[in-house]
C-alpha atoms as a PDB file:
ATOM      1  CA  MET A   1     -69.288 118.279 103.638  1.00  0.00           C
ATOM      2  CA  ARG A   2     -70.858 120.735 101.289  1.00  0.00           C
ATOM      3  CA  ILE A   3     -69.747 124.328 100.511  1.00  0.00           C
ATOM      4  CA  VAL A   4     -72.806 126.488  99.534  1.00  0.00           C
ATOM      5  CA  ILE A   5     -73.655 130.176  99.510  1.00  0.00           C
ATOM      6  CA  GLN A   6     -76.282 131.609 101.833  1.00  0.00           C
ATOM      7  CA  ASP A   7     -78.074 135.004 101.738  1.00  0.00           C
ATOM      8  CA  SER A   8     -77.084 136.656 105.074  1.00  0.00           C
ATOM      9  CA  ALA A   9     -80.478 138.401 105.516  1.00  0.00           C
ATOM     10  CA  GLY A  10     -82.984 135.988 104.031  1.00  0.00           C
ATOM     11  CA  LYS A  11     -81.005 132.924 104.918  1.00  0.00           C
ATOM     12  CA  ALA A  12     -82.059 131.425 101.335  1.00  0.00           C
ATOM     13  CA  TYR A  13     -79.469 129.410  99.515  1.00  0.00           C
ATOM     14  CA  LEU A  14     -78.149 130.147  95.979  1.00  0.00           C
ATOM     15  CA  ASN A  15     -79.089 127.351  93.509  1.00  0.00           C
ATOM     16  CA  GLY A  16     -77.183 128.887  90.625  1.00  0.00           C
ATOM     17  CA  GLN A  17     -79.836 130.550  89.154  1.00  0.00           C
ATOM     18  CA  ALA A  18     -81.878 132.025  92.083  1.00  0.00           C
ATOM     19  CA  TRP A  19     -82.258 131.876  95.833  1.00  0.00           C
ATOM     20  CA  THR A  20     -84.021 128.775  97.486  1.00  0.00           C
ATOM     21  CA  ALA A  21     -85.102 127.957 101.155  1.00  0.00           C
ATOM     22  CA  GLU A  22     -84.059 124.407 100.505  1.00  0.00           C
ATOM     23  CA  ALA A  23     -80.245 123.786 101.380  1.00  0.00           C
ATOM     24  CA  ASP A  24     -80.261 120.565  99.438  1.00  0.00           C
ATOM     25  CA  GLN A  25     -81.007 122.371  96.183  1.00  0.00           C
ATOM     26  CA  ALA A  26     -78.115 124.806  96.879  1.00  0.00           C
ATOM     27  CA  GLN A  27     -75.253 124.951  94.271  1.00  0.00           C
ATOM     28  CA  GLU A  28     -72.187 123.210  95.686  1.00  0.00           C
ATOM     29  CA  PHE A  29     -68.626 124.350  95.405  1.00  0.00           C
ATOM     30  CA  GLU A  30     -65.481 122.498  95.597  1.00  0.00           C
ATOM     31  CA  THR A  31     -63.695 125.075  97.890  1.00  0.00           C
ATOM     32  CA  VAL A  32     -64.308 128.151  99.963  1.00  0.00           C
ATOM     33  CA  ALA A  33     -62.146 130.130  97.563  1.00  0.00           C
ATOM     34  CA  GLN A  34     -64.007 128.889  94.525  1.00  0.00           C
ATOM     35  CA  ALA A  35     -67.325 130.057  96.251  1.00  0.00           C
ATOM     36  CA  GLU A  36     -65.692 133.507  97.124  1.00  0.00           C
ATOM     37  CA  THR A  37     -64.496 134.103  93.467  1.00  0.00           C
ATOM     38  CA  TYR A  38     -68.070 133.091  92.291  1.00  0.00           C
ATOM     39  CA  CYS A  39     -69.619 135.877  94.529  1.00  0.00           C
ATOM     40  CA  ARG A  40     -67.164 138.301  93.429  1.00  0.00           C
ATOM     41  CA  GLU A  41     -67.745 137.607  89.654  1.00  0.00           C
ATOM     42  CA  GLN A  42     -71.543 137.508  90.083  1.00  0.00           C
ATOM     43  CA  ASN A  43     -71.621 140.751  92.378  1.00  0.00           C
ATOM     44  CA  VAL A  44     -73.153 138.765  95.243  1.00  0.00           C
ATOM     45  CA  ARG A  45     -72.233 141.008  98.164  1.00  0.00           C
ATOM     46  CA  GLN A  46     -74.403 140.244 101.274  1.00  0.00           C
ATOM     47  CA  ALA A  47     -73.968 136.450 101.572  1.00  0.00           C
ATOM     48  CA  MET A  48     -72.137 133.897 103.602  1.00  0.00           C
ATOM     49  CA  ILE A  49     -70.207 130.820 102.393  1.00  0.00           C
ATOM     50  CA  VAL A  50     -71.540 128.046 104.517  1.00  0.00           C
ATOM     51  CA  LEU A  51     -69.816 124.667 105.239  1.00  0.00           C
ATOM     52  CA  LYS A  52     -72.550 122.301 105.800  1.00  0.00           C
ATOM     53  CA  PHE A  53     -71.693 118.906 107.389  1.00  0.00           C
ATOM     54  CA  SER A  54     -73.654 115.618 106.677  1.00  0.00           C
ATOM     55  CA  ASP A  55     -73.330 114.870 110.463  1.00  0.00           C
ATOM     56  CA  ALA A  56     -76.281 116.568 112.041  1.00  0.00           C
ATOM     57  CA  THR A  57     -74.420 116.882 115.311  1.00  0.00           C
ATOM     58  CA  ARG A  58     -71.918 119.347 113.887  1.00  0.00           C
ATOM     59  CA  GLU A  59     -72.785 123.005 113.446  1.00  0.00           C
ATOM     60  CA  ASP A  60     -72.361 124.731 110.137  1.00  0.00           C
ATOM     61  CA  ILE A  61     -69.470 127.013 109.633  1.00  0.00           C
ATOM     62  CA  ARG A  62     -70.000 130.327 108.006  1.00  0.00           C
ATOM     63  CA  TYR A  63     -67.623 132.789 106.210  1.00  0.00           C
ATOM     64  CA  PRO A  64     -68.652 136.276 105.212  1.00  0.00           C
ATOM     65  CA  ILE A  65     -68.520 137.598 101.734  1.00  0.00           C
ATOM     66  CA  GLY A  66     -68.427 141.290 102.299  1.00  0.00           C
ATOM     67  CA  PRO A  67     -67.330 143.570 104.831  1.00  0.00           C
ATOM     68  CA  ARG A  68     -70.908 144.255 106.164  1.00  0.00           C
ATOM     69  CA  ASP A  69     -71.378 140.675 106.945  1.00  0.00           C
ATOM     70  CA  ALA A  70     -67.918 140.266 108.743  1.00  0.00           C
ATOM     71  CA  LEU A  71     -69.602 141.700 111.672  1.00  0.00           C
ATOM     72  CA  LEU A  72     -71.824 138.733 111.902  1.00  0.00           C
ATOM     73  CA  VAL A  73     -68.906 136.523 112.545  1.00  0.00           C
ATOM     74  CA  SER A  74     -66.392 138.893 114.213  1.00  0.00           C
ATOM     75  CA  ARG A  75     -67.742 139.013 117.771  1.00  0.00           C
ATOM     76  CA  PRO A  76     -68.538 135.814 119.775  1.00  0.00           C
ATOM     77  CA  PRO A  77     -72.206 135.787 120.962  1.00  0.00           C
ATOM     78  CA  THR A  78     -71.117 135.966 124.501  1.00  0.00           C
ATOM     79  CA  THR A  79     -69.168 139.131 124.287  1.00  0.00           C
ATOM     80  CA  LYS A  80     -70.767 141.854 126.313  1.00  0.00           C
ATOM     81  CA  ILE A  81     -70.481 145.440 125.168  1.00  0.00           C
ATOM     82  CA  ARG A  82     -70.048 147.971 127.744  1.00  0.00           C
ATOM     83  CA  SER A  83     -70.537 151.733 127.563  1.00  0.00           C
ATOM     84  CA  LEU A  84     -67.493 153.929 128.008  1.00  0.00           C
ATOM     85  CA  ALA A  85     -69.248 156.458 130.122  1.00  0.00           C
END
């Protein structure tokens, strides 16, 4: 398993210096907490911490960095929103 940081809008990965489309070039972190601390210290706001598994059958797990990205993972995709009227 690898822990990396991904831009939530462009889907690029942070390689320590810039953003890259290649996940295998992404900077790795030892823990989710370490990745989150890095984002706070470097003022990275709109990103996701991604746990990438070496087993291709398992889906990545994503954690939001900022409150705007929390909406990306707060609601299951099958939830239907109904009008109150």
